[in-house]
Amino acid sequence: MQKIQLEHWLHADHSGKHIAPKLYVIGCEDLSNYLLAVEYKHKLEPVHKDGEPMHFSSLEQVKDVLSRLGVESVYLRLHNTDDECSAFGDSIPYHDIEMSLQTH
């Protein structure tokens, strides 16, 4: 999804049954940056700007961008590469943490 599409989705005039898009900041223990994604039709789709997935070098950068868009909360999805290679087939290879973007 393009960033401009996400902006239109966030700011569109919706009926009373509107559910805001679920946004994810995806990080992995062996990567030095974060990827922004949106849940669309029960799948995560990276948010693109100028044809490239949006990457951030810090969570503060993500918070700044999303706060300007009026987003109040986002999910931080942390991938653990050790869990992905686990001998236990039922373990989930990531952990989601809800983060509030509102300043007090």
PDB file of N, CA and C in Angstrom:
ATOM      1  N   MET A   1       0.837  -1.161   0.000  1.00  0.00           N
ATOM      2  CA  MET A   1       0.000   0.000   0.000  1.00  0.00           C
ATOM      3  C   MET A   1       0.894   1.240   0.000  1.00  0.00           C
ATOM      4  N   GLN A   2       0.546   2.192  -0.808  1.00  0.00           N
ATOM      5  CA  GLN A   2       1.288   3.447  -0.863  1.00  0.00           C
ATOM      6  C   GLN A   2       0.932   4.318   0.343  1.00  0.00           C
ATOM      7  N   LYS A   3       1.884   5.114   0.803  1.00  0.00           N
ATOM      8  CA  LYS A   3       1.664   5.974   1.969  1.00  0.00           C
ATOM      9  C   LYS A   3       0.479   6.902   1.738  1.00  0.00           C
ATOM     10  N   ILE A   4       0.331   7.423   0.544  1.00  0.00           N
ATOM     11  CA  ILE A   4      -0.777   8.338   0.249  1.00  0.00           C
ATOM     12  C   ILE A   4      -2.125   7.624   0.381  1.00  0.00           C
ATOM     13  N   GLN A   5      -2.177   6.330   0.018  1.00  0.00           N
ATOM     14  CA  GLN A   5      -3.404   5.559   0.187  1.00  0.00           C
ATOM     15  C   GLN A   5      -3.732   5.410   1.673  1.00  0.00           C
ATOM     16  N   LEU A   6      -2.714   5.149   2.480  1.00  0.00           N
ATOM     17  CA  LEU A   6      -2.914   5.034   3.912  1.00  0.00           C
ATOM     18  C   LEU A   6      -3.423   6.353   4.486  1.00  0.00           C
ATOM     19  N   GLU A   7      -2.859   7.473   4.050  1.00  0.00           N
ATOM     20  CA  GLU A   7      -3.301   8.774   4.526  1.00  0.00           C
ATOM     21  C   GLU A   7      -4.773   9.006   4.196  1.00  0.00           C
ATOM     22  N   HIS A   8      -5.179   8.665   2.973  1.00  0.00           N
ATOM     23  CA  HIS A   8      -6.585   8.820   2.583  1.00  0.00           C
ATOM     24  C   HIS A   8      -7.485   7.924   3.428  1.00  0.00           C
ATOM     25  N   TRP A   9      -7.042   6.702   3.697  1.00  0.00           N
ATOM     26  CA  TRP A   9      -7.814   5.763   4.504  1.00  0.00           C
ATOM     27  C   TRP A   9      -7.985   6.299   5.926  1.00  0.00           C
ATOM     28  N   LEU A  10      -6.908   6.835   6.483  1.00  0.00           N
ATOM     29  CA  LEU A  10      -6.967   7.355   7.848  1.00  0.00           C
ATOM     30  C   LEU A  10      -7.866   8.580   7.969  1.00  0.00           C
ATOM     31  N   HIS A  11      -7.901   9.417   6.929  1.00  0.00           N
ATOM     32  CA  HIS A  11      -8.617  10.693   7.011  1.00  0.00           C
ATOM     33  C   HIS A  11      -9.941  10.705   6.265  1.00  0.00           C
ATOM     34  N   ALA A  12     -10.347   9.600   5.707  1.00  0.00           N
ATOM     35  CA  ALA A  12     -11.607   9.539   4.966  1.00  0.00           C
ATOM     36  C   ALA A  12     -12.785   9.676   5.922  1.00  0.00           C
ATOM     37  N   ASP A  13     -13.893  10.197   5.398  1.00  0.00           N
ATOM     38  CA  ASP A  13     -15.118  10.322   6.188  1.00  0.00           C
ATOM     39  C   ASP A  13     -15.832   8.978   6.148  1.00  0.00           C
ATOM     40  N   HIS A  14     -15.847   8.288   7.300  1.00  0.00           N
ATOM     41  CA  HIS A  14     -16.413   6.953   7.371  1.00  0.00           C
ATOM     42  C   HIS A  14     -17.717   6.966   8.150  1.00  0.00           C
ATOM     43  N   SER A  15     -18.489   5.913   7.939  1.00  0.00           N
ATOM     44  CA  SER A  15     -19.726   5.762   8.702  1.00  0.00           C
ATOM     45  C   SER A  15     -19.392   5.396  10.150  1.00  0.00           C
ATOM     46  N   GLY A  16     -20.396   5.271  10.992  1.00  0.00           N
ATOM     47  CA  GLY A  16     -20.197   4.953  12.396  1.00  0.00           C
ATOM     48  C   GLY A  16     -19.566   3.599  12.639  1.00  0.00           C
ATOM     49  N   LYS A  17     -19.571   2.718  11.661  1.00  0.00           N
ATOM     50  CA  LYS A  17     -19.003   1.380  11.821  1.00  0.00           C
ATOM     51  C   LYS A  17     -17.542   1.311  11.391  1.00  0.00           C
ATOM     52  N   HIS A  18     -16.926   2.446  11.194  1.00  0.00           N
ATOM     53  CA  HIS A  18     -15.537   2.488  10.716  1.00  0.00           C
ATOM     54  C   HIS A  18     -14.577   1.887  11.743  1.00  0.00           C
ATOM     55  N   ILE A  19     -13.713   1.034  11.268  1.00  0.00           N
ATOM     56  CA  ILE A  19     -12.637   0.485  12.083  1.00  0.00           C
ATOM     57  C   ILE A  19     -11.328   0.996  11.492  1.00  0.00           C
ATOM     58  N   ALA A  20     -10.547   1.656  12.320  1.00  0.00           N
ATOM     59  CA  ALA A  20      -9.277   2.214  11.846  1.00  0.00           C
ATOM     60  C   ALA A  20      -8.342   1.086  11.428  1.00  0.00           C
ATOM     61  N   PRO A  21      -7.501   1.343  10.427  1.00  0.00           N
ATOM     62  CA  PRO A  21      -6.549   0.308  10.022  1.00  0.00           C
ATOM     63  C   PRO A  21      -5.585  -0.027  11.152  1.00  0.00           C
ATOM     64  N   LYS A  22      -5.224  -1.283  11.234  1.00  0.00           N
ATOM     65  CA  LYS A  22      -4.286  -1.741  12.252  1.00  0.00           C
ATOM     66  C   LYS A  22      -2.881  -1.605  11.667  1.00  0.00           C
ATOM     67  N   LEU A  23      -2.077  -0.758  12.287  1.00  0.00           N
ATOM     68  CA  LEU A  23      -0.724  -0.501  11.802  1.00  0.00           C
ATOM     69  C   LEU A  23       0.293  -1.254  12.646  1.00  0.00           C
ATOM     70  N   TYR A  24       1.335  -1.728  11.982  1.00  0.00           N
ATOM     71  CA  TYR A  24       2.398  -2.484  12.637  1.00  0.00           C
ATOM     72  C   TYR A  24       3.745  -1.871  12.303  1.00  0.00           C
ATOM     73  N   VAL A  25       4.591  -1.808  13.311  1.00  0.00           N
ATOM     74  CA  VAL A  25       5.996  -1.475  13.128  1.00  0.00           C
ATOM     75  C   VAL A  25       6.717  -2.792  13.350  1.00  0.00           C
ATOM     76  N   ILE A  26       7.398  -3.270  12.329  1.00  0.00           N
ATOM     77  CA  ILE A  26       8.001  -4.597  12.379  1.00  0.00           C
ATOM     78  C   ILE A  26       9.501  -4.464  12.586  1.00  0.00           C
ATOM     79  N   GLY A  27       9.989  -5.174  13.586  1.00  0.00           N
ATOM     80  CA  GLY A  27      11.411  -5.173  13.892  1.00  0.00           C
ATOM     81  C   GLY A  27      11.895  -6.596  14.088  1.00  0.00           C
ATOM     82  N   CYS A  28      13.161  -6.802  13.837  1.00  0.00           N
ATOM     83  CA  CYS A  28      13.771  -8.110  14.002  1.00  0.00           C
ATOM     84  C   CYS A  28      15.068  -7.914  14.773  1.00  0.00           C
ATOM     85  N   GLU A  29      15.381  -8.858  15.626  1.00  0.00           N
ATOM     86  CA  GLU A  29      16.556  -8.690  16.493  1.00  0.00           C
ATOM     87  C   GLU A  29      17.862  -8.553  15.725  1.00  0.00           C
ATOM     88  N   ASP A  30      17.911  -9.035  14.489  1.00  0.00           N
ATOM     89  CA  ASP A  30      19.168  -8.950  13.748  1.00  0.00           C
ATOM     90  C   ASP A  30      19.171  -7.844  12.688  1.00  0.00           C
ATOM     91  N   LEU A  31      18.151  -6.967  12.693  1.00  0.00           N
ATOM     92  CA  LEU A  31      18.100  -5.858  11.750  1.00  0.00           C
ATOM     93  C   LEU A  31      18.202  -4.537  12.495  1.00  0.00           C
ATOM     94  N   SER A  32      18.743  -3.534  11.840  1.00  0.00           N
ATOM     95  CA  SER A  32      18.939  -2.247  12.507  1.00  0.00           C
ATOM     96  C   SER A  32      17.863  -1.230  12.155  1.00  0.00           C
ATOM     97  N   ASN A  33      16.785  -1.662  11.478  1.00  0.00           N
ATOM     98  CA  ASN A  33      15.729  -0.717  11.165  1.00  0.00           C
ATOM     99  C   ASN A  33      14.357  -1.358  11.318  1.00  0.00           C
ATOM    100  N   TYR A  34      13.331  -0.538  11.206  1.00  0.00           N
ATOM    101  CA  TYR A  34      11.954  -0.963  11.380  1.00  0.00           C
ATOM    102  C   TYR A  34      11.191  -0.737  10.090  1.00  0.00           C
ATOM    103  N   LEU A  35      10.222  -1.597   9.820  1.00  0.00           N
ATOM    104  CA  LEU A  35       9.385  -1.522   8.629  1.00  0.00           C
ATOM    105  C   LEU A  35       7.971  -1.187   9.066  1.00  0.00           C
ATOM    106  N   LEU A  36       7.288  -0.323   8.327  1.00  0.00           N
ATOM    107  CA  LEU A  36       5.908   0.037   8.616  1.00  0.00           C
ATOM    108  C   LEU A  36       4.992  -0.793   7.727  1.00  0.00           C
ATOM    109  N   ALA A  37       3.962  -1.397   8.334  1.00  0.00           N
ATOM    110  CA  ALA A  37       3.017  -2.218   7.577  1.00  0.00           C
ATOM    111  C   ALA A  37       1.606  -1.972   8.091  1.00  0.00           C
ATOM    112  N   VAL A  38       0.628  -2.284   7.246  1.00  0.00           N
ATOM    113  CA  VAL A  38      -0.781  -2.146   7.607  1.00  0.00           C
ATOM    114  C   VAL A  38      -1.458  -3.491   7.387  1.00  0.00           C
ATOM    115  N   GLU A  39      -2.387  -3.826   8.270  1.00  0.00           N
ATOM    116  CA  GLU A  39      -3.142  -5.069   8.093  1.00  0.00           C
ATOM    117  C   GLU A  39      -4.274  -4.791   7.120  1.00  0.00           C
ATOM    118  N   TYR A  40      -4.301  -5.548   6.036  1.00  0.00           N
ATOM    119  CA  TYR A  40      -5.311  -5.388   4.998  1.00  0.00           C
ATOM    120  C   TYR A  40      -5.770  -6.774   4.576  1.00  0.00           C
ATOM    121  N   LYS A  41      -7.050  -7.042   4.744  1.00  0.00           N
ATOM    122  CA  LYS A  41      -7.619  -8.359   4.428  1.00  0.00           C
ATOM    123  C   LYS A  41      -6.874  -9.477   5.156  1.00  0.00           C
ATOM    124  N   HIS A  42      -6.605  -9.253   6.442  1.00  0.00           N
ATOM    125  CA  HIS A  42      -5.969 -10.222   7.344  1.00  0.00           C
ATOM    126  C   HIS A  42      -4.540 -10.574   6.960  1.00  0.00           C
ATOM    127  N   LYS A  43      -3.888  -9.712   6.193  1.00  0.00           N
ATOM    128  CA  LYS A  43      -2.476  -9.888   5.842  1.00  0.00           C
ATOM    129  C   LYS A  43      -1.764  -8.566   6.081  1.00  0.00           C
ATOM    130  N   LEU A  44      -0.484  -8.661   6.420  1.00  0.00           N
ATOM    131  CA  LEU A  44       0.311  -7.447   6.579  1.00  0.00           C
ATOM    132  C   LEU A  44       0.886  -7.041   5.236  1.00  0.00           C
ATOM    133  N   GLU A  45       0.682  -5.778   4.915  1.00  0.00           N
ATOM    134  CA  GLU A  45       1.181  -5.231   3.659  1.00  0.00           C
ATOM    135  C   GLU A  45       2.094  -4.062   3.972  1.00  0.00           C
ATOM    136  N   PRO A  46       3.343  -4.090   3.496  1.00  0.00           N
ATOM    137  CA  PRO A  46       4.264  -2.975   3.760  1.00  0.00           C
ATOM    138  C   PRO A  46       3.720  -1.667   3.187  1.00  0.00           C
ATOM    139  N   VAL A  47       3.980  -0.584   3.889  1.00  0.00           N
ATOM    140  CA  VAL A  47       3.612   0.745   3.410  1.00  0.00           C
ATOM    141  C   VAL A  47       4.784   1.259   2.589  1.00  0.00           C
ATOM    142  N   HIS A  48       4.495   1.691   1.349  1.00  0.00           N
ATOM    143  CA  HIS A  48       5.531   2.152   0.428  1.00  0.00           C
ATOM    144  C   HIS A  48       5.479   3.665   0.255  1.00  0.00           C
ATOM    145  N   LYS A  49       6.628   4.237   0.032  1.00  0.00           N
ATOM    146  CA  LYS A  49       6.732   5.645  -0.348  1.00  0.00           C
ATOM    147  C   LYS A  49       7.726   5.716  -1.486  1.00  0.00           C
ATOM    148  N   ASP A  50       7.317   6.321  -2.587  1.00  0.00           N
ATOM    149  CA  ASP A  50       8.148   6.413  -3.783  1.00  0.00           C
ATOM    150  C   ASP A  50       8.589   5.031  -4.261  1.00  0.00           C
ATOM    151  N   GLY A  51       7.700   4.042  -4.151  1.00  0.00           N
ATOM    152  CA  GLY A  51       7.975   2.700  -4.659  1.00  0.00           C
ATOM    153  C   GLY A  51       8.826   1.818  -3.767  1.00  0.00           C
ATOM    154  N   GLU A  52       9.254   2.330  -2.614  1.00  0.00           N
ATOM    155  CA  GLU A  52      10.102   1.565  -1.693  1.00  0.00           C
ATOM    156  C   GLU A  52       9.390   1.399  -0.357  1.00  0.00           C
ATOM    157  N   PRO A  53       9.560   0.239   0.299  1.00  0.00           N
ATOM    158  CA  PRO A  53       8.987   0.084   1.639  1.00  0.00           C
ATOM    159  C   PRO A  53       9.567   1.121   2.598  1.00  0.00           C
ATOM    160  N   MET A  54       8.719   1.639   3.472  1.00  0.00           N
ATOM    161  CA  MET A  54       9.167   2.653   4.424  1.00  0.00           C
ATOM    162  C   MET A  54       9.956   1.999   5.548  1.00  0.00           C
ATOM    163  N   HIS A  55      11.202   2.413   5.705  1.00  0.00           N
ATOM    164  CA  HIS A  55      12.077   1.925   6.767  1.00  0.00           C
ATOM    165  C   HIS A  55      12.427   3.086   7.689  1.00  0.00           C
ATOM    166  N   PHE A  56      12.614   2.770   8.954  1.00  0.00           N
ATOM    167  CA  PHE A  56      12.972   3.767   9.952  1.00  0.00           C
ATOM    168  C   PHE A  56      14.132   3.228  10.776  1.00  0.00           C
ATOM    169  N   SER A  57      15.035   4.117  11.163  1.00  0.00           N
ATOM    170  CA  SER A  57      16.190   3.676  11.952  1.00  0.00           C
ATOM    171  C   SER A  57      15.918   3.690  13.451  1.00  0.00           C
ATOM    172  N   SER A  58      14.781   4.289  13.867  1.00  0.00           N
ATOM    173  CA  SER A  58      14.445   4.304  15.289  1.00  0.00           C
ATOM    174  C   SER A  58      12.931   4.337  15.467  1.00  0.00           C
ATOM    175  N   LEU A  59      12.488   3.945  16.637  1.00  0.00           N
ATOM    176  CA  LEU A  59      11.062   4.013  16.951  1.00  0.00           C
ATOM    177  C   LEU A  59      10.597   5.462  17.060  1.00  0.00           C
ATOM    178  N   GLU A  60      11.474   6.362  17.445  1.00  0.00           N
ATOM    179  CA  GLU A  60      11.122   7.780  17.532  1.00  0.00           C
ATOM    180  C   GLU A  60      10.745   8.335  16.154  1.00  0.00           C
ATOM    181  N   GLN A  61      11.473   7.923  15.111  1.00  0.00           N
ATOM    182  CA  GLN A  61      11.135   8.352  13.753  1.00  0.00           C
ATOM    183  C   GLN A  61       9.745   7.865  13.366  1.00  0.00           C
ATOM    184  N   VAL A  62       9.429   6.616  13.702  1.00  0.00           N
ATOM    185  CA  VAL A  62       8.115   6.055  13.400  1.00  0.00           C
ATOM    186  C   VAL A  62       7.035   6.851  14.123  1.00  0.00           C
ATOM    187  N   LYS A  63       7.259   7.118  15.399  1.00  0.00           N
ATOM    188  CA  LYS A  63       6.284   7.859  16.199  1.00  0.00           C
ATOM    189  C   LYS A  63       6.030   9.241  15.609  1.00  0.00           C
ATOM    190  N   ASP A  64       7.084   9.927  15.175  1.00  0.00           N
ATOM    191  CA  ASP A  64       6.930  11.261  14.590  1.00  0.00           C
ATOM    192  C   ASP A  64       6.053  11.226  13.346  1.00  0.00           C
ATOM    193  N   VAL A  65       6.350  10.300  12.440  1.00  0.00           N
ATOM    194  CA  VAL A  65       5.598  10.200  11.180  1.00  0.00           C
ATOM    195  C   VAL A  65       4.139   9.848  11.445  1.00  0.00           C
ATOM    196  N   LEU A  66       3.900   8.853  12.294  1.00  0.00           N
ATOM    197  CA  LEU A  66       2.533   8.412  12.540  1.00  0.00           C
ATOM    198  C   LEU A  66       1.745   9.419  13.364  1.00  0.00           C
ATOM    199  N   SER A  67       2.385  10.119  14.263  1.00  0.00           N
ATOM    200  CA  SER A  67       1.695  11.155  15.039  1.00  0.00           C
ATOM    201  C   SER A  67       1.207  12.273  14.131  1.00  0.00           C
ATOM    202  N   ARG A  68       2.013  12.638  13.149  1.00  0.00           N
ATOM    203  CA  ARG A  68       1.601  13.673  12.182  1.00  0.00           C
ATOM    204  C   ARG A  68       0.406  13.231  11.353  1.00  0.00           C
ATOM    205  N   LEU A  69       0.241  11.909  11.184  1.00  0.00           N
ATOM    206  CA  LEU A  69      -0.904  11.378  10.441  1.00  0.00           C
ATOM    207  C   LEU A  69      -2.145  11.230  11.320  1.00  0.00           C
ATOM    208  N   GLY A  70      -1.997  11.489  12.622  1.00  0.00           N
ATOM    209  CA  GLY A  70      -3.125  11.385  13.529  1.00  0.00           C
ATOM    210  C   GLY A  70      -3.340   9.993  14.104  1.00  0.00           C
ATOM    211  N   VAL A  71      -2.358   9.114  13.955  1.00  0.00           N
ATOM    212  CA  VAL A  71      -2.459   7.755  14.482  1.00  0.00           C
ATOM    213  C   VAL A  71      -2.225   7.808  15.989  1.00  0.00           C
ATOM    214  N   GLU A  72      -3.093   7.136  16.743  1.00  0.00           N
ATOM    215  CA  GLU A  72      -2.987   7.173  18.203  1.00  0.00           C
ATOM    216  C   GLU A  72      -2.250   5.977  18.786  1.00  0.00           C
ATOM    217  N   SER A  73      -2.307   4.824  18.095  1.00  0.00           N
ATOM    218  CA  SER A  73      -1.585   3.653  18.591  1.00  0.00           C
ATOM    219  C   SER A  73      -1.164   2.778  17.422  1.00  0.00           C
ATOM    220  N   VAL A  74      -0.160   1.975  17.672  1.00  0.00           N
ATOM    221  CA  VAL A  74       0.409   1.100  16.663  1.00  0.00           C
ATOM    222  C   VAL A  74       0.892  -0.153  17.384  1.00  0.00           C
ATOM    223  N   TYR A  75       1.017  -1.235  16.654  1.00  0.00           N
ATOM    224  CA  TYR A  75       1.532  -2.474  17.234  1.00  0.00           C
ATOM    225  C   TYR A  75       2.981  -2.654  16.821  1.00  0.00           C
ATOM    226  N   LEU A  76       3.819  -2.914  17.795  1.00  0.00           N
ATOM    227  CA  LEU A  76       5.215  -3.225  17.533  1.00  0.00           C
ATOM    228  C   LEU A  76       5.320  -4.739  17.452  1.00  0.00           C
ATOM    229  N   ARG A  77       5.684  -5.251  16.287  1.00  0.00           N
ATOM    230  CA  ARG A  77       5.842  -6.698  16.088  1.00  0.00           C
ATOM    231  C   ARG A  77       7.329  -7.007  16.079  1.00  0.00           C
ATOM    232  N   LEU A  78       7.757  -7.719  17.095  1.00  0.00           N
ATOM    233  CA  LEU A  78       9.164  -8.088  17.226  1.00  0.00           C
ATOM    234  C   LEU A  78       9.346  -9.543  16.832  1.00  0.00           C
ATOM    235  N   HIS A  79      10.181  -9.773  15.838  1.00  0.00           N
ATOM    236  CA  HIS A  79      10.492 -11.132  15.400  1.00  0.00           C
ATOM    237  C   HIS A  79      11.731 -11.620  16.127  1.00  0.00           C
ATOM    238  N   ASN A  80      11.699 -12.858  16.526  1.00  0.00           N
ATOM    239  CA  ASN A  80      12.832 -13.487  17.191  1.00  0.00           C
ATOM    240  C   ASN A  80      13.282 -14.638  16.296  1.00  0.00           C
ATOM    241  N   THR A  81      14.448 -14.520  15.710  1.00  0.00           N
ATOM    242  CA  THR A  81      14.918 -15.542  14.775  1.00  0.00           C
ATOM    243  C   THR A  81      15.120 -16.882  15.459  1.00  0.00           C
ATOM    244  N   ASP A  82      15.417 -16.889  16.747  1.00  0.00           N
ATOM    245  CA  ASP A  82      15.562 -18.155  17.466  1.00  0.00           C
ATOM    246  C   ASP A  82      14.237 -18.897  17.531  1.00  0.00           C
ATOM    247  N   ASP A  83      13.140 -18.170  17.720  1.00  0.00           N
ATOM    248  CA  ASP A  83      11.820 -18.793  17.770  1.00  0.00           C
ATOM    249  C   ASP A  83      11.422 -19.381  16.420  1.00  0.00           C
ATOM    250  N   GLU A  84      11.826 -18.735  15.316  1.00  0.00           N
ATOM    251  CA  GLU A  84      11.475 -19.224  13.989  1.00  0.00           C
ATOM    252  C   GLU A  84      12.110 -20.581  13.712  1.00  0.00           C
ATOM    253  N   CYS A  85      13.243 -20.841  14.309  1.00  0.00           N
ATOM    254  CA  CYS A  85      13.958 -22.095  14.082  1.00  0.00           C
ATOM    255  C   CYS A  85      13.751 -23.073  15.238  1.00  0.00           C
ATOM    256  N   SER A  86      12.785 -22.794  16.063  1.00  0.00           N
ATOM    257  CA  SER A  86      12.542 -23.602  17.250  1.00  0.00           C
ATOM    258  C   SER A  86      12.108 -25.016  16.887  1.00  0.00           C
ATOM    259  N   ALA A  87      12.455 -25.948  17.735  1.00  0.00           N
ATOM    260  CA  ALA A  87      12.042 -27.339  17.534  1.00  0.00           C
ATOM    261  C   ALA A  87      10.569 -27.515  17.852  1.00  0.00           C
ATOM    262  N   PHE A  88       9.974 -26.538  18.551  1.00  0.00           N
ATOM    263  CA  PHE A  88       8.561 -26.607  18.894  1.00  0.00           C
ATOM    264  C   PHE A  88       7.764 -25.972  17.770  1.00  0.00           C
ATOM    265  N   GLY A  89       6.977 -26.770  17.074  1.00  0.00           N
ATOM    266  CA  GLY A  89       6.247 -26.287  15.914  1.00  0.00           C
ATOM    267  C   GLY A  89       5.104 -25.351  16.233  1.00  0.00           C
ATOM    268  N   ASP A  90       4.664 -25.291  17.494  1.00  0.00           N
ATOM    269  CA  ASP A  90       3.516 -24.465  17.822  1.00  0.00           C
ATOM    270  C   ASP A  90       3.888 -23.095  18.378  1.00  0.00           C
ATOM    271  N   SER A  91       5.163 -22.752  18.434  1.00  0.00           N
ATOM    272  CA  SER A  91       5.531 -21.444  18.969  1.00  0.00           C
ATOM    273  C   SER A  91       5.341 -20.371  17.894  1.00  0.00           C
ATOM    274  N   ILE A  92       4.949 -19.178  18.335  1.00  0.00           N
ATOM    275  CA  ILE A  92       4.736 -18.053  17.429  1.00  0.00           C
ATOM    276  C   ILE A  92       6.078 -17.332  17.284  1.00  0.00           C
ATOM    277  N   PRO A  93       6.522 -17.082  16.044  1.00  0.00           N
ATOM    278  CA  PRO A  93       7.858 -16.492  15.843  1.00  0.00           C
ATOM    279  C   PRO A  93       7.924 -14.976  16.062  1.00  0.00           C
ATOM    280  N   TYR A  94       6.884 -14.381  16.627  1.00  0.00           N
ATOM    281  CA  TYR A  94       6.894 -12.942  16.878  1.00  0.00           C
ATOM    282  C   TYR A  94       6.066 -12.621  18.111  1.00  0.00           C
ATOM    283  N   HIS A  95       6.230 -11.382  18.580  1.00  0.00           N
ATOM    284  CA  HIS A  95       5.479 -10.882  19.726  1.00  0.00           C
ATOM    285  C   HIS A  95       4.948  -9.506  19.354  1.00  0.00           C
ATOM    286  N   ASP A  96       3.643  -9.276  19.572  1.00  0.00           N
ATOM    287  CA  ASP A  96       3.043  -7.976  19.305  1.00  0.00           C
ATOM    288  C   ASP A  96       2.858  -7.216  20.607  1.00  0.00           C
ATOM    289  N   ILE A  97       3.248  -5.940  20.586  1.00  0.00           N
ATOM    290  CA  ILE A  97       3.121  -5.077  21.745  1.00  0.00           C
ATOM    291  C   ILE A  97       2.408  -3.800  21.269  1.00  0.00           C
ATOM    292  N   GLU A  98       1.294  -3.459  21.899  1.00  0.00           N
ATOM    293  CA  GLU A  98       0.595  -2.227  21.508  1.00  0.00           C
ATOM    294  C   GLU A  98       1.320  -1.033  22.117  1.00  0.00           C
ATOM    295  N   MET A  99       1.577  -0.035  21.268  1.00  0.00           N
ATOM    296  CA  MET A  99       2.259   1.177  21.706  1.00  0.00           C
ATOM    297  C   MET A  99       1.350   2.388  21.493  1.00  0.00           C
ATOM    298  N   SER A 100       1.175   3.179  22.524  1.00  0.00           N
ATOM    299  CA  SER A 100       0.415   4.415  22.399  1.00  0.00           C
ATOM    300  C   SER A 100       1.338   5.495  21.831  1.00  0.00           C
ATOM    301  N   LEU A 101       0.818   6.282  20.915  1.00  0.00           N
ATOM    302  CA  LEU A 101       1.614   7.372  20.336  1.00  0.00           C
ATOM    303  C   LEU A 101       1.212   8.724  20.909  1.00  0.00           C
ATOM    304  N   GLN A 102       0.241   8.725  21.818  1.00  0.00           N
ATOM    305  CA  GLN A 102      -0.205   9.983  22.410  1.00  0.00           C
ATOM    306  C   GLN A 102       0.800  10.450  23.446  1.00  0.00           C
ATOM    307  N   THR A 103       1.062  11.743  23.415  1.00  0.00           N
ATOM    308  CA  THR A 103       1.951  12.328  24.419  1.00  0.00           C
ATOM    309  C   THR A 103       1.100  12.854  25.552  1.00  0.00           C
ATOM    310  N   HIS A 104       1.605  12.771  26.753  1.00  0.00           N
ATOM    311  CA  HIS A 104       0.828  13.184  27.927  1.00  0.00           C
ATOM    312  C   HIS A 104       1.204  14.563  28.347  1.00  0.00           C
TER     313      HIS A 104
END
